[in-house]
Amino acid sequence: MKYVRHKEKGMVIFPNKHNEGWWHLHMAQLLGKGDIISAGFIIFREGKFVCEGYSKSLGLGPAPDDNEELKNLLKQGHYNEC
């Protein structure tokens, strides 16, 4: 999975469909590119989901608190709509 984190709208998770042209940049444009504070990939490692990697199209990686934001998002079962 991929994610971008918007300053006001929070974290948005979307499929990693690189071969179908889904880039971090496209999601950022839908949300308001200037307000994106972090971006990357979500993987499952050692029994938990973690944010890591780097968005080449945005030139951004994870923020220090992205893992905590993701944990809270999953715990609440709340997902932002684009």
C-alpha atoms as a PDB file:
ATOM      1  CA  MET A   1       0.000   0.000   0.000  1.00  0.00           C
ATOM      2  CA  LYS A   2       0.994   3.628  -0.492  1.00  0.00           C
ATOM      3  CA  TYR A   3       0.093   6.665   1.563  1.00  0.00           C
ATOM      4  CA  VAL A   4       0.243  10.416   1.553  1.00  0.00           C
ATOM      5  CA  ARG A   5      -0.386  12.536   4.616  1.00  0.00           C
ATOM      6  CA  HIS A   6      -2.154  15.845   4.203  1.00  0.00           C
ATOM      7  CA  LYS A   7      -1.765  18.606   6.774  1.00  0.00           C
ATOM      8  CA  GLU A   8      -5.535  18.958   7.310  1.00  0.00           C
ATOM      9  CA  LYS A   9      -7.092  15.807   5.810  1.00  0.00           C
ATOM     10  CA  GLY A  10      -4.796  13.314   7.492  1.00  0.00           C
ATOM     11  CA  MET A  11      -3.389  10.109   6.099  1.00  0.00           C
ATOM     12  CA  VAL A  12      -4.815   8.654   2.898  1.00  0.00           C
ATOM     13  CA  ILE A  13      -3.972   5.053   2.037  1.00  0.00           C
ATOM     14  CA  PHE A  14      -4.284   3.731  -1.502  1.00  0.00           C
ATOM     15  CA  PRO A  15      -3.201   0.670  -3.527  1.00  0.00           C
ATOM     16  CA  ASN A  16       0.350   0.325  -4.758  1.00  0.00           C
ATOM     17  CA  LYS A  17      -0.567  -0.010  -8.419  1.00  0.00           C
ATOM     18  CA  HIS A  18       2.643   1.327  -9.910  1.00  0.00           C
ATOM     19  CA  ASN A  19       2.087  -0.629 -13.117  1.00  0.00           C
ATOM     20  CA  GLU A  20      -1.314   1.089 -13.522  1.00  0.00           C
ATOM     21  CA  GLY A  21       0.114   4.581 -13.025  1.00  0.00           C
ATOM     22  CA  TRP A  22      -0.957   5.267  -9.431  1.00  0.00           C
ATOM     23  CA  TRP A  23       1.728   7.626  -8.118  1.00  0.00           C
ATOM     24  CA  HIS A  24       1.985   9.526  -4.850  1.00  0.00           C
ATOM     25  CA  LEU A  25       1.955  12.678  -6.953  1.00  0.00           C
ATOM     26  CA  HIS A  26      -1.498  11.923  -8.369  1.00  0.00           C
ATOM     27  CA  MET A  27      -3.036  11.457  -4.924  1.00  0.00           C
ATOM     28  CA  ALA A  28      -1.261  14.589  -3.683  1.00  0.00           C
ATOM     29  CA  GLN A  29      -2.748  16.593  -6.536  1.00  0.00           C
ATOM     30  CA  LEU A  30      -6.233  15.390  -5.602  1.00  0.00           C
ATOM     31  CA  LEU A  31      -5.697  16.396  -1.975  1.00  0.00           C
ATOM     32  CA  GLY A  32      -3.836  19.674  -2.491  1.00  0.00           C
ATOM     33  CA  LYS A  33      -0.161  19.084  -3.219  1.00  0.00           C
ATOM     34  CA  GLY A  34       1.193  21.999  -1.204  1.00  0.00           C
ATOM     35  CA  ASP A  35      -0.284  20.594   1.998  1.00  0.00           C
ATOM     36  CA  ILE A  36       1.311  17.122   1.837  1.00  0.00           C
ATOM     37  CA  ILE A  37       3.631  16.613   4.803  1.00  0.00           C
ATOM     38  CA  SER A  38       4.798  13.034   4.198  1.00  0.00           C
ATOM     39  CA  ALA A  39       4.462  10.079   1.854  1.00  0.00           C
ATOM     40  CA  GLY A  40       5.691   6.536   1.527  1.00  0.00           C
ATOM     41  CA  PHE A  41       4.684   2.918   1.701  1.00  0.00           C
ATOM     42  CA  ILE A  42       2.907   0.824   4.311  1.00  0.00           C
ATOM     43  CA  ILE A  43       4.255  -2.659   4.884  1.00  0.00           C
ATOM     44  CA  PHE A  44       3.555  -5.397   7.414  1.00  0.00           C
ATOM     45  CA  ARG A  45       6.668  -6.223   9.399  1.00  0.00           C
ATOM     46  CA  GLU A  46       7.155  -8.129  12.642  1.00  0.00           C
ATOM     47  CA  GLY A  47       3.439  -8.281  13.373  1.00  0.00           C
ATOM     48  CA  LYS A  48       2.557  -4.648  12.669  1.00  0.00           C
ATOM     49  CA  PHE A  49       2.030  -2.163   9.868  1.00  0.00           C
ATOM     50  CA  VAL A  50       4.778   0.431   9.465  1.00  0.00           C
ATOM     51  CA  CYS A  51       5.392   3.460   7.254  1.00  0.00           C
ATOM     52  CA  GLU A  52       8.639   3.501   5.335  1.00  0.00           C
ATOM     53  CA  GLY A  53      10.209   4.187   1.973  1.00  0.00           C
ATOM     54  CA  TYR A  54      10.326   7.327  -0.082  1.00  0.00           C
ATOM     55  CA  SER A  55       8.079   8.905  -2.691  1.00  0.00           C
ATOM     56  CA  LYS A  56      10.243   9.801  -5.668  1.00  0.00           C
ATOM     57  CA  SER A  57       7.403  11.694  -7.339  1.00  0.00           C
ATOM     58  CA  LEU A  58       6.948  13.972  -4.282  1.00  0.00           C
ATOM     59  CA  GLY A  59      10.468  13.924  -2.880  1.00  0.00           C
ATOM     60  CA  LEU A  60       9.073  12.992   0.549  1.00  0.00           C
ATOM     61  CA  GLY A  61       9.451  10.164   3.026  1.00  0.00           C
ATOM     62  CA  PRO A  62       7.728   9.342   6.309  1.00  0.00           C
ATOM     63  CA  ALA A  63       7.376  11.932   9.061  1.00  0.00           C
ATOM     64  CA  PRO A  64       8.601  10.883  12.517  1.00  0.00           C
ATOM     65  CA  ASP A  65       5.028  10.411  13.772  1.00  0.00           C
ATOM     66  CA  ASP A  66       3.567   8.618  10.719  1.00  0.00           C
ATOM     67  CA  ASN A  67       3.652   5.192  12.385  1.00  0.00           C
ATOM     68  CA  GLU A  68       1.660   6.549  15.322  1.00  0.00           C
ATOM     69  CA  GLU A  69      -0.798   8.259  12.950  1.00  0.00           C
ATOM     70  CA  LEU A  70      -1.251   4.985  11.050  1.00  0.00           C
ATOM     71  CA  LYS A  71      -1.731   3.036  14.276  1.00  0.00           C
ATOM     72  CA  ASN A  72      -4.447   5.458  15.426  1.00  0.00           C
ATOM     73  CA  LEU A  73      -6.123   5.410  12.018  1.00  0.00           C
ATOM     74  CA  LEU A  74      -6.304   1.608  11.973  1.00  0.00           C
ATOM     75  CA  LYS A  75      -7.365   1.384  15.601  1.00  0.00           C
ATOM     76  CA  GLN A  76     -10.286   3.758  15.026  1.00  0.00           C
ATOM     77  CA  GLY A  77     -11.295   2.092  11.797  1.00  0.00           C
ATOM     78  CA  HIS A  78     -11.495   5.589  10.313  1.00  0.00           C
ATOM     79  CA  TYR A  79     -10.503   6.214   6.743  1.00  0.00           C
ATOM     80  CA  ASN A  80     -10.488   9.560   4.950  1.00  0.00           C
ATOM     81  CA  GLU A  81     -12.398   9.896   1.719  1.00  0.00           C
ATOM     82  CA  CYS A  82     -10.744  11.559  -1.256  1.00  0.00           C
END
